PDB file of N, CA and C in Angstrom:
ATOM      1  N   MET A   1       0.828  -0.941  -0.183  1.00  0.00           N
ATOM      2  CA  MET A   1       0.033  -0.291  -0.058  1.00  0.00           C
ATOM      3  C   MET A   1       1.155   1.406   0.189  1.00  0.00           C
ATOM      4  N   ILE A   2       0.747   2.058  -0.857  1.00  0.00           N
ATOM      5  CA  ILE A   2       1.296   3.650  -0.646  1.00  0.00           C
ATOM      6  C   ILE A   2       0.351   4.735  -0.069  1.00  0.00           C
ATOM      7  N   LYS A   3       1.375   5.366   0.619  1.00  0.00           N
ATOM      8  CA  LYS A   3       0.252   6.851   1.549  1.00  0.00           C
ATOM      9  C   LYS A   3       0.348   7.493   0.574  1.00  0.00           C
ATOM     10  N   LEU A   4      -0.641   8.603   0.480  1.00  0.00           N
ATOM     11  CA  LEU A   4      -0.864   9.677  -0.132  1.00  0.00           C
ATOM     12  C   LEU A   4      -1.090  11.244   0.676  1.00  0.00           C
ATOM     13  N   PHE A   5      -0.431  12.006   0.569  1.00  0.00           N
ATOM     14  CA  PHE A   5      -0.924  13.394   1.565  1.00  0.00           C
ATOM     15  C   PHE A   5      -2.062  14.226   0.598  1.00  0.00           C
ATOM     16  N   VAL A   6      -2.722  14.721   1.646  1.00  0.00           N
ATOM     17  CA  VAL A   6      -3.548  15.294   0.418  1.00  0.00           C
ATOM     18  C   VAL A   6      -3.833  16.780   1.460  1.00  0.00           C
ATOM     19  N   SER A   7      -3.606  18.017   0.424  1.00  0.00           N
ATOM     20  CA  SER A   7      -3.904  18.854   1.349  1.00  0.00           C
ATOM     21  C   SER A   7      -4.450  20.326   0.320  1.00  0.00           C
ATOM     22  N   GLY A   8      -5.080  21.143   0.706  1.00  0.00           N
ATOM     23  CA  GLY A   8      -5.429  22.093   0.030  1.00  0.00           C
ATOM     24  C   GLY A   8      -7.108  21.851  -0.371  1.00  0.00           C
ATOM     25  N   PHE A   9      -7.752  21.132   0.207  1.00  0.00           N
ATOM     26  CA  PHE A   9      -8.732  20.854  -0.583  1.00  0.00           C
ATOM     27  C   PHE A   9      -9.529  21.840   0.494  1.00  0.00           C
ATOM     28  N   PRO A  10     -11.391  21.915  -0.360  1.00  0.00           N
ATOM     29  CA  PRO A  10     -11.978  23.077   0.609  1.00  0.00           C
ATOM     30  C   PRO A  10     -12.823  22.197   1.499  1.00  0.00           C
ATOM     31  N   LEU A  11     -12.506  23.084   3.061  1.00  0.00           N
ATOM     32  CA  LEU A  11     -12.467  22.351   4.407  1.00  0.00           C
ATOM     33  C   LEU A  11     -13.878  21.818   4.672  1.00  0.00           C
ATOM     34  N   GLU A  12     -14.820  21.785   3.601  1.00  0.00           N
ATOM     35  CA  GLU A  12     -15.742  21.659   3.636  1.00  0.00           C
ATOM     36  C   GLU A  12     -16.260  20.351   3.330  1.00  0.00           C
ATOM     37  N   ILE A  13     -15.384  19.603   2.252  1.00  0.00           N
ATOM     38  CA  ILE A  13     -15.289  18.509   1.907  1.00  0.00           C
ATOM     39  C   ILE A  13     -15.674  17.020   2.432  1.00  0.00           C
ATOM     40  N   THR A  14     -16.569  16.142   2.639  1.00  0.00           N
ATOM     41  CA  THR A  14     -16.990  15.115   2.891  1.00  0.00           C
ATOM     42  C   THR A  14     -15.725  13.971   2.446  1.00  0.00           C
ATOM     43  N   GLU A  15     -15.888  12.959   3.412  1.00  0.00           N
ATOM     44  CA  GLU A  15     -14.657  11.791   3.073  1.00  0.00           C
ATOM     45  C   GLU A  15     -15.446  11.250   1.955  1.00  0.00           C
ATOM     46  N   LEU A  16     -16.818  10.966   1.562  1.00  0.00           N
ATOM     47  CA  LEU A  16     -17.415  10.672   0.093  1.00  0.00           C
ATOM     48  C   LEU A  16     -16.690  11.589  -0.804  1.00  0.00           C
ATOM     49  N   GLU A  17     -16.896  12.976  -1.122  1.00  0.00           N
ATOM     50  CA  GLU A  17     -17.001  13.587  -1.904  1.00  0.00           C
ATOM     51  C   GLU A  17     -14.714  13.441  -2.122  1.00  0.00           C
ATOM     52  N   LEU A  18     -14.294  13.167  -1.364  1.00  0.00           N
ATOM     53  CA  LEU A  18     -12.619  13.440  -1.563  1.00  0.00           C
ATOM     54  C   LEU A  18     -12.908  11.743  -2.270  1.00  0.00           C
ATOM     55  N   ALA A  19     -13.243  11.133  -1.563  1.00  0.00           N
ATOM     56  CA  ALA A  19     -13.481   9.601  -2.243  1.00  0.00           C
ATOM     57  C   ALA A  19     -13.551   9.372  -3.533  1.00  0.00           C
ATOM     58  N   LYS A  20     -14.784  10.099  -4.128  1.00  0.00           N
ATOM     59  CA  LYS A  20     -15.138  10.338  -5.341  1.00  0.00           C
ATOM     60  C   LYS A  20     -13.871  10.721  -6.240  1.00  0.00           C
ATOM     61  N   LEU A  21     -13.576  11.766  -5.637  1.00  0.00           N
ATOM     62  CA  LEU A  21     -12.399  12.673  -6.571  1.00  0.00           C
ATOM     63  C   LEU A  21     -11.015  11.902  -6.843  1.00  0.00           C
ATOM     64  N   ILE A  22     -11.218  11.023  -6.148  1.00  0.00           N
ATOM     65  CA  ILE A  22      -9.480  10.168  -5.739  1.00  0.00           C
ATOM     66  C   ILE A  22      -9.784   8.660  -6.546  1.00  0.00           C
ATOM     67  N   ALA A  23     -11.147   8.285  -6.693  1.00  0.00           N
ATOM     68  CA  ALA A  23     -11.205   6.710  -6.880  1.00  0.00           C
ATOM     69  C   ALA A  23     -10.766   6.366  -8.135  1.00  0.00           C
ATOM     70  N   ILE A  24     -11.239   7.976  -9.192  1.00  0.00           N
ATOM     71  CA  ILE A  24     -10.697   7.614 -10.743  1.00  0.00           C
ATOM     72  C   ILE A  24     -10.265   7.642 -11.179  1.00  0.00           C
ATOM     73  N   HIS A  25      -8.924   7.488 -10.212  1.00  0.00           N
ATOM     74  CA  HIS A  25      -7.197   7.292 -10.449  1.00  0.00           C
ATOM     75  C   HIS A  25      -6.572   6.072  -9.963  1.00  0.00           C
ATOM     76  N   GLY A  26      -7.437   5.278  -8.643  1.00  0.00           N
ATOM     77  CA  GLY A  26      -6.702   4.285  -8.315  1.00  0.00           C
ATOM     78  C   GLY A  26      -7.546   3.434  -7.413  1.00  0.00           C
ATOM     79  N   ASP A  27      -7.715   2.583  -7.130  1.00  0.00           N
ATOM     80  CA  ASP A  27      -7.981   1.838  -6.013  1.00  0.00           C
ATOM     81  C   ASP A  27      -7.668   2.112  -4.432  1.00  0.00           C
ATOM     82  N   ILE A  28      -8.976   2.911  -3.453  1.00  0.00           N
ATOM     83  CA  ILE A  28      -8.366   3.539  -2.545  1.00  0.00           C
ATOM     84  C   ILE A  28      -8.797   2.463  -0.978  1.00  0.00           C
ATOM     85  N   VAL A  29      -7.756   2.224  -0.285  1.00  0.00           N
ATOM     86  CA  VAL A  29      -7.587   1.289   0.555  1.00  0.00           C
ATOM     87  C   VAL A  29      -8.196   2.194   2.262  1.00  0.00           C
ATOM     88  N   THR A  30      -7.784   2.911   2.596  1.00  0.00           N
ATOM     89  CA  THR A  30      -8.382   3.792   3.471  1.00  0.00           C
ATOM     90  C   THR A  30      -7.981   5.253   2.964  1.00  0.00           C
ATOM     91  N   LEU A  31      -9.069   6.297   3.873  1.00  0.00           N
ATOM     92  CA  LEU A  31      -8.927   7.775   3.408  1.00  0.00           C
ATOM     93  C   LEU A  31      -9.374   8.110   5.048  1.00  0.00           C
ATOM     94  N   LYS A  32      -8.461   9.050   5.398  1.00  0.00           N
ATOM     95  CA  LYS A  32      -8.629   9.402   6.733  1.00  0.00           C
ATOM     96  C   LYS A  32      -8.477  11.252   6.748  1.00  0.00           C
ATOM     97  N   ILE A  33      -9.617  12.038   6.815  1.00  0.00           N
ATOM     98  CA  ILE A  33      -9.525  13.172   6.756  1.00  0.00           C
ATOM     99  C   ILE A  33      -9.164  13.628   7.667  1.00  0.00           C
ATOM    100  N   VAL A  34      -7.951  14.739   8.569  1.00  0.00           N
ATOM    101  CA  VAL A  34      -7.647  14.940   9.932  1.00  0.00           C
ATOM    102  C   VAL A  34      -8.382  15.787  10.104  1.00  0.00           C
ATOM    103  N   ARG A  35      -8.990  15.499  11.280  1.00  0.00           N
ATOM    104  CA  ARG A  35     -10.106  16.694  12.149  1.00  0.00           C
ATOM    105  C   ARG A  35      -9.834  16.927  13.108  1.00  0.00           C
ATOM    106  N   ASP A  36      -9.758  18.366  14.242  1.00  0.00           N
ATOM    107  CA  ASP A  36      -9.562  18.676  15.659  1.00  0.00           C
ATOM    108  C   ASP A  36     -10.344  17.610  16.254  1.00  0.00           C
ATOM    109  N   LYS A  37      -9.674  17.330  17.267  1.00  0.00           N
ATOM    110  CA  LYS A  37     -10.423  16.162  18.267  1.00  0.00           C
ATOM    111  C   LYS A  37     -11.683  16.894  18.745  1.00  0.00           C
ATOM    112  N   LYS A  38     -11.676  18.400  19.405  1.00  0.00           N
ATOM    113  CA  LYS A  38     -12.830  18.720  20.280  1.00  0.00           C
ATOM    114  C   LYS A  38     -13.768  19.272  19.355  1.00  0.00           C
ATOM    115  N   THR A  39     -13.414  20.065  17.964  1.00  0.00           N
ATOM    116  CA  THR A  39     -14.296  21.385  17.476  1.00  0.00           C
ATOM    117  C   THR A  39     -15.061  19.943  16.197  1.00  0.00           C
ATOM    118  N   ARG A  40     -14.048  19.124  15.432  1.00  0.00           N
ATOM    119  CA  ARG A  40     -14.212  18.158  14.461  1.00  0.00           C
ATOM    120  C   ARG A  40     -13.885  19.147  13.595  1.00  0.00           C
ATOM    121  N   ILE A  41     -14.094  19.925  13.506  1.00  0.00           N
ATOM    122  CA  ILE A  41     -13.726  20.920  12.194  1.00  0.00           C
ATOM    123  C   ILE A  41     -12.433  20.314  11.404  1.00  0.00           C
ATOM    124  N   CYS A  42     -12.569  19.987   9.902  1.00  0.00           N
ATOM    125  CA  CYS A  42     -11.346  19.962   9.300  1.00  0.00           C
ATOM    126  C   CYS A  42     -10.031  20.797   9.592  1.00  0.00           C
ATOM    127  N   LYS A  43      -8.639  20.262   9.456  1.00  0.00           N
ATOM    128  CA  LYS A  43      -7.436  21.148   9.124  1.00  0.00           C
ATOM    129  C   LYS A  43      -6.754  20.906   8.254  1.00  0.00           C
ATOM    130  N   GLY A  44      -7.954  20.387   6.829  1.00  0.00           N
ATOM    131  CA  GLY A  44      -7.356  20.848   5.561  1.00  0.00           C
ATOM    132  C   GLY A  44      -6.608  20.028   4.618  1.00  0.00           C
ATOM    133  N   TYR A  45      -5.997  18.656   5.964  1.00  0.00           N
ATOM    134  CA  TYR A  45      -5.373  17.663   4.871  1.00  0.00           C
ATOM    135  C   TYR A  45      -5.533  16.085   5.382  1.00  0.00           C
ATOM    136  N   ALA A  46      -5.748  15.250   4.141  1.00  0.00           N
ATOM    137  CA  ALA A  46      -5.776  14.189   4.444  1.00  0.00           C
ATOM    138  C   ALA A  46      -4.716  12.844   4.316  1.00  0.00           C
ATOM    139  N   PHE A  47      -4.573  12.009   4.892  1.00  0.00           N
ATOM    140  CA  PHE A  47      -4.280  10.719   4.247  1.00  0.00           C
ATOM    141  C   PHE A  47      -4.697   9.157   3.670  1.00  0.00           C
ATOM    142  N   ILE A  48      -4.269   8.878   2.458  1.00  0.00           N
ATOM    143  CA  ILE A  48      -5.122   8.019   1.701  1.00  0.00           C
ATOM    144  C   ILE A  48      -4.339   7.323   1.288  1.00  0.00           C
ATOM    145  N   GLU A  49      -4.342   5.609   1.636  1.00  0.00           N
ATOM    146  CA  GLU A  49      -3.516   4.621   1.464  1.00  0.00           C
ATOM    147  C   GLU A  49      -3.993   3.892  -0.183  1.00  0.00           C
ATOM    148  N   MET A  50      -3.848   3.981  -0.905  1.00  0.00           N
ATOM    149  CA  MET A  50      -3.769   3.119  -1.902  1.00  0.00           C
ATOM    150  C   MET A  50      -3.797   1.791  -2.367  1.00  0.00           C
ATOM    151  N   ALA A  51      -3.840   1.329  -3.506  1.00  0.00           N
ATOM    152  CA  ALA A  51      -3.744  -0.185  -3.184  1.00  0.00           C
ATOM    153  C   ALA A  51      -2.377  -0.344  -3.748  1.00  0.00           C
ATOM    154  N   SER A  52      -2.077   0.452  -5.261  1.00  0.00           N
ATOM    155  CA  SER A  52      -0.717  -0.152  -6.089  1.00  0.00           C
ATOM    156  C   SER A  52      -0.458   1.556  -5.942  1.00  0.00           C
ATOM    157  N   GLN A  53       0.894   1.286  -6.262  1.00  0.00           N
ATOM    158  CA  GLN A  53       2.110   2.349  -6.689  1.00  0.00           C
ATOM    159  C   GLN A  53       1.431   2.793  -8.079  1.00  0.00           C
ATOM    160  N   ALA A  54       0.992   2.270  -9.171  1.00  0.00           N
ATOM    161  CA  ALA A  54       0.389   2.952 -10.439  1.00  0.00           C
ATOM    162  C   ALA A  54      -0.871   3.531  -9.856  1.00  0.00           C
ATOM    163  N   GLY A  55      -1.490   3.694  -9.009  1.00  0.00           N
ATOM    164  CA  GLY A  55      -2.647   4.288  -8.503  1.00  0.00           C
ATOM    165  C   GLY A  55      -2.263   5.538  -7.876  1.00  0.00           C
ATOM    166  N   ALA A  56      -1.412   5.057  -7.318  1.00  0.00           N
ATOM    167  CA  ALA A  56      -0.585   6.382  -6.270  1.00  0.00           C
ATOM    168  C   ALA A  56      -0.159   7.626  -7.472  1.00  0.00           C
ATOM    169  N   GLU A  57       1.093   6.843  -8.112  1.00  0.00           N
ATOM    170  CA  GLU A  57       1.324   7.729  -9.091  1.00  0.00           C
ATOM    171  C   GLU A  57       0.157   8.542 -10.186  1.00  0.00           C
ATOM    172  N   ASN A  58      -0.727   7.877 -10.510  1.00  0.00           N
ATOM    173  CA  ASN A  58      -1.932   8.215 -11.174  1.00  0.00           C
ATOM    174  C   ASN A  58      -2.918   9.476 -10.539  1.00  0.00           C
ATOM    175  N   THR A  59      -2.693   9.083  -9.691  1.00  0.00           N
ATOM    176  CA  THR A  59      -3.494  10.401  -8.326  1.00  0.00           C
ATOM    177  C   THR A  59      -2.183  11.546  -8.500  1.00  0.00           C
ATOM    178  N   VAL A  60      -1.128  11.426  -8.320  1.00  0.00           N
ATOM    179  CA  VAL A  60      -0.352  12.542  -8.163  1.00  0.00           C
ATOM    180  C   VAL A  60      -0.343  13.560  -9.477  1.00  0.00           C
ATOM    181  N   THR A  61      -0.333  12.592 -10.262  1.00  0.00           N
ATOM    182  CA  THR A  61      -0.359  13.388 -12.028  1.00  0.00           C
ATOM    183  C   THR A  61      -1.846  14.278 -12.291  1.00  0.00           C
ATOM    184  N   ALA A  62      -2.692  13.230 -11.710  1.00  0.00           N
ATOM    185  CA  ALA A  62      -3.720  14.008 -12.342  1.00  0.00           C
ATOM    186  C   ALA A  62      -4.317  15.140 -11.124  1.00  0.00           C
ATOM    187  N   LEU A  63      -4.127  15.172  -9.638  1.00  0.00           N
ATOM    188  CA  LEU A  63      -5.112  15.841  -8.836  1.00  0.00           C
ATOM    189  C   LEU A  63      -4.111  17.055  -8.125  1.00  0.00           C
ATOM    190  N   ASP A  64      -2.401  16.822  -8.130  1.00  0.00           N
ATOM    191  CA  ASP A  64      -1.763  17.680  -8.162  1.00  0.00           C
ATOM    192  C   ASP A  64      -1.404  18.888  -8.438  1.00  0.00           C
ATOM    193  N   GLY A  65      -2.087  20.082  -7.896  1.00  0.00           N
ATOM    194  CA  GLY A  65      -1.886  21.608  -8.127  1.00  0.00           C
ATOM    195  C   GLY A  65      -3.520  21.719  -8.633  1.00  0.00           C
ATOM    196  N   LEU A  66      -4.168  21.201  -8.900  1.00  0.00           N
ATOM    197  CA  LEU A  66      -5.989  21.290  -9.281  1.00  0.00           C
ATOM    198  C   LEU A  66      -6.400  22.371  -8.489  1.00  0.00           C
ATOM    199  N   GLU A  67      -7.020  23.170  -9.043  1.00  0.00           N
ATOM    200  CA  GLU A  67      -7.920  24.443  -8.470  1.00  0.00           C
ATOM    201  C   GLU A  67      -9.433  23.992  -7.839  1.00  0.00           C
ATOM    202  N   MET A  68      -9.558  23.925  -6.611  1.00  0.00           N
ATOM    203  CA  MET A  68     -10.940  23.157  -6.099  1.00  0.00           C
ATOM    204  C   MET A  68     -10.982  24.650  -5.260  1.00  0.00           C
ATOM    205  N   GLN A  69     -12.577  24.951  -5.536  1.00  0.00           N
ATOM    206  CA  GLN A  69     -13.512  26.352  -5.099  1.00  0.00           C
ATOM    207  C   GLN A  69     -12.090  27.555  -4.615  1.00  0.00           C
ATOM    208  N   ASP A  70     -11.102  28.023  -5.178  1.00  0.00           N
ATOM    209  CA  ASP A  70     -10.066  29.326  -5.179  1.00  0.00           C
ATOM    210  C   ASP A  70      -9.290  28.582  -4.253  1.00  0.00           C
ATOM    211  N   ARG A  71      -8.914  27.113  -4.160  1.00  0.00           N
ATOM    212  CA  ARG A  71      -7.740  26.428  -3.543  1.00  0.00           C
ATOM    213  C   ARG A  71      -7.096  25.778  -4.451  1.00  0.00           C
ATOM    214  N   LYS A  72      -5.810  25.612  -4.083  1.00  0.00           N
ATOM    215  CA  LYS A  72      -4.925  24.365  -4.858  1.00  0.00           C
ATOM    216  C   LYS A  72      -4.486  23.367  -4.129  1.00  0.00           C
ATOM    217  N   LEU A  73      -4.988  22.017  -4.951  1.00  0.00           N
ATOM    218  CA  LEU A  73      -4.953  20.905  -4.226  1.00  0.00           C
ATOM    219  C   LEU A  73      -3.427  20.607  -3.944  1.00  0.00           C
ATOM    220  N   THR A  74      -3.157  19.933  -2.970  1.00  0.00           N
ATOM    221  CA  THR A  74      -1.374  19.305  -3.272  1.00  0.00           C
ATOM    222  C   THR A  74      -1.782  17.916  -2.844  1.00  0.00           C
ATOM    223  N   VAL A  75      -1.276  17.246  -3.529  1.00  0.00           N
ATOM    224  CA  VAL A  75      -0.765  15.582  -3.702  1.00  0.00           C
ATOM    225  C   VAL A  75      -0.058  15.297  -3.660  1.00  0.00           C
ATOM    226  N   LYS A  76       0.722  14.361  -2.653  1.00  0.00           N
ATOM    227  CA  LYS A  76       2.537  14.056  -2.932  1.00  0.00           C
ATOM    228  C   LYS A  76       1.894  12.410  -2.137  1.00  0.00           C
ATOM    229  N   ILE A  77       3.057  11.553  -2.757  1.00  0.00           N
ATOM    230  CA  ILE A  77       3.391  10.524  -1.897  1.00  0.00           C
ATOM    231  C   ILE A  77       3.809  10.473  -0.605  1.00  0.00           C
ATOM    232  N   SER A  78       3.578   9.808   0.659  1.00  0.00           N
ATOM    233  CA  SER A  78       4.519   9.974   1.479  1.00  0.00           C
ATOM    234  C   SER A  78       4.963   9.155   1.684  1.00  0.00           C
ATOM    235  N   GLU A  79       6.376   9.573   1.725  1.00  0.00           N
ATOM    236  CA  GLU A  79       7.612   9.465   2.774  1.00  0.00           C
ATOM    237  C   GLU A  79       7.750   8.322   3.955  1.00  0.00           C
ATOM    238  N   GLU A  80       7.788   7.231   3.970  1.00  0.00           N
ATOM    239  CA  GLU A  80       7.676   6.082   5.027  1.00  0.00           C
ATOM    240  C   GLU A  80       8.602   6.592   6.013  1.00  0.00           C
ATOM    241  N   LYS A  81       8.539   6.524   7.119  1.00  0.00           N
ATOM    242  CA  LYS A  81      10.049   6.531   8.073  1.00  0.00           C
ATOM    243  C   LYS A  81      10.072   5.170   8.658  1.00  0.00           C
ATOM    244  N   ALA A  82      11.525   4.887   8.337  1.00  0.00           N
ATOM    245  CA  ALA A  82      11.779   3.550   8.793  1.00  0.00           C
ATOM    246  C   ALA A  82      11.496   3.650  10.318  1.00  0.00           C
ATOM    247  N   VAL A  83      11.178   2.389  10.567  1.00  0.00           N
ATOM    248  CA  VAL A  83      10.555   2.427  12.377  1.00  0.00           C
ATOM    249  C   VAL A  83      11.440   0.986  12.789  1.00  0.00           C
ATOM    250  N   ALA A  84      11.990   1.674  13.721  1.00  0.00           N
ATOM    251  CA  ALA A  84      13.206   1.295  14.413  1.00  0.00           C
ATOM    252  C   ALA A  84      12.563  -0.339  15.679  1.00  0.00           C
ATOM    253  N   PRO A  85      12.951  -1.587  15.025  1.00  0.00           N
ATOM    254  CA  PRO A  85      13.036  -2.408  15.678  1.00  0.00           C
ATOM    255  C   PRO A  85      12.626  -2.663  17.026  1.00  0.00           C
ATOM    256  N   LYS A  86      11.442  -3.363  17.318  1.00  0.00           N
ATOM    257  CA  LYS A  86      11.329  -3.285  19.129  1.00  0.00           C
ATOM    258  C   LYS A  86      11.887  -4.052  19.860  1.00  0.00           C
ATOM    259  N   SER A  87      12.684  -3.501  20.876  1.00  0.00           N
ATOM    260  CA  SER A  87      13.938  -4.700  22.154  1.00  0.00           C
ATOM    261  C   SER A  87      12.580  -4.884  23.352  1.00  0.00           C
ATOM    262  N   ASN A  88      13.161  -6.053  23.808  1.00  0.00           N
ATOM    263  CA  ASN A  88      12.415  -6.410  24.875  1.00  0.00           C
ATOM    264  C   ASN A  88      13.080  -6.064  25.641  1.00  0.00           C
ATOM    265  N   PHE A  89      13.669  -5.019  25.958  1.00  0.00           N
ATOM    266  CA  PHE A  89      14.656  -4.625  27.001  1.00  0.00           C
ATOM    267  C   PHE A  89      13.301  -3.771  27.552  1.00  0.00           C
ATOM    268  N   LYS A  90      13.050  -3.732  28.888  1.00  0.00           N
ATOM    269  CA  LYS A  90      12.376  -2.987  29.668  1.00  0.00           C
ATOM    270  C   LYS A  90      12.631  -2.341  30.836  1.00  0.00           C
ATOM    271  N   ARG A  91      12.090  -1.069  30.843  1.00  0.00           N
ATOM    272  CA  ARG A  91      12.817  -0.553  31.868  1.00  0.00           C
ATOM    273  C   ARG A  91      12.050  -0.653  33.290  1.00  0.00           C
ATOM    274  N   PRO A  92      13.011  -0.570  34.190  1.00  0.00           N
ATOM    275  CA  PRO A  92      12.776  -0.632  35.661  1.00  0.00           C
ATOM    276  C   PRO A  92      11.431   0.523  36.377  1.00  0.00           C
ATOM    277  N   VAL A  93      10.802  -0.275  37.021  1.00  0.00           N
ATOM    278  CA  VAL A  93       9.823   0.964  37.041  1.00  0.00           C
ATOM    279  C   VAL A  93      10.563   1.561  38.636  1.00  0.00           C
ATOM    280  N   ALA A  94      10.004   2.877  38.591  1.00  0.00           N
ATOM    281  CA  ALA A  94      10.306   3.735  39.993  1.00  0.00           C
ATOM    282  C   ALA A  94       9.466   2.972  40.741  1.00  0.00           C
ATOM    283  N   GLY A  95      10.770   2.919  42.080  1.00  0.00           N
ATOM    284  CA  GLY A  95      10.036   2.584  43.563  1.00  0.00           C
ATOM    285  C   GLY A  95      11.068   1.849  43.731  1.00  0.00           C
ATOM    286  N   GLU A  96      10.501   1.203  44.885  1.00  0.00           N
ATOM    287  CA  GLU A  96      11.647   0.228  45.822  1.00  0.00           C
ATOM    288  C   GLU A  96      11.944  -1.151  44.527  1.00  0.00           C
ATOM    289  N   ASN A  97      10.909  -1.835  44.079  1.00  0.00           N
ATOM    290  CA  ASN A  97      10.723  -2.910  43.054  1.00  0.00           C
ATOM    291  C   ASN A  97      11.886  -2.624  41.969  1.00  0.00           C
ATOM    292  N   ALA A  98      12.509  -1.482  42.038  1.00  0.00           N
ATOM    293  CA  ALA A  98      13.158  -0.831  40.613  1.00  0.00           C
ATOM    294  C   ALA A  98      14.624  -1.609  41.143  1.00  0.00           C
ATOM    295  N   LYS A  99      14.972  -1.834  42.441  1.00  0.00           N
ATOM    296  CA  LYS A  99      16.542  -1.979  42.590  1.00  0.00           C
ATOM    297  C   LYS A  99      16.602  -3.433  42.232  1.00  0.00           C
ATOM    298  N   ARG A 100      18.263  -3.164  41.392  1.00  0.00           N
ATOM    299  CA  ARG A 100      18.520  -4.597  41.218  1.00  0.00           C
ATOM    300  C   ARG A 100      18.928  -5.249  42.258  1.00  0.00           C
ATOM    301  N   PRO A 101      18.635  -7.059  42.364  1.00  0.00           N
ATOM    302  CA  PRO A 101      18.867  -7.704  43.414  1.00  0.00           C
ATOM    303  C   PRO A 101      20.245  -8.093  43.387  1.00  0.00           C
ATOM    304  N   ARG A 102      20.877  -7.703  44.723  1.00  0.00           N
ATOM    305  CA  ARG A 102      22.257  -7.963  44.952  1.00  0.00           C
ATOM    306  C   ARG A 102      23.143  -9.499  44.572  1.00  0.00           C
ATOM    307  N   ARG A 103      23.813  -9.602  44.144  1.00  0.00           N
ATOM    308  CA  ARG A 103      24.852 -10.870  43.818  1.00  0.00           C
ATOM    309  C   ARG A 103      25.064 -11.111  45.461  1.00  0.00           C
ATOM    310  N   PRO A 104      24.946 -12.126  45.720  1.00  0.00           N
ATOM    311  CA  PRO A 104      25.702 -12.698  46.747  1.00  0.00           C
ATOM    312  C   PRO A 104      27.283 -12.789  46.993  1.00  0.00           C
ATOM    313  N   ARG A 105      27.573 -12.636  48.136  1.00  0.00           N
ATOM    314  CA  ARG A 105      29.077 -12.122  48.541  1.00  0.00           C
ATOM    315  C   ARG A 105      29.984 -13.575  48.383  1.00  0.00           C
ATOM    316  N   VAL A 106      30.773 -14.084  47.964  1.00  0.00           N
ATOM    317  CA  VAL A 106      31.224 -15.308  48.243  1.00  0.00           C
ATOM    318  C   VAL A 106      32.575 -15.446  49.506  1.00  0.00           C
TER     319      VAL A 106
END
């Protein structure tokens, strides 16, 4: 799956309207318009996962720079950051239980 970053669309747009705009260029796996947690007002950008690289590239080519209601649409392929492998190391919990056990003296 390829993740796209989309911004510059009208703030009143719904997920369905955005999906209709993008789906003609490739298959959408997920679509998430980012909204304020308290007010639920759109922040002006969204993340979309496309099923294929070709669909993502077609979307970028077709929609990047498109004018929508006096706003300029920006569509980019999102660069994935490398995820560090998880370690089995567990930090000690603060308090008396966090002390290391002492080795017996010989």
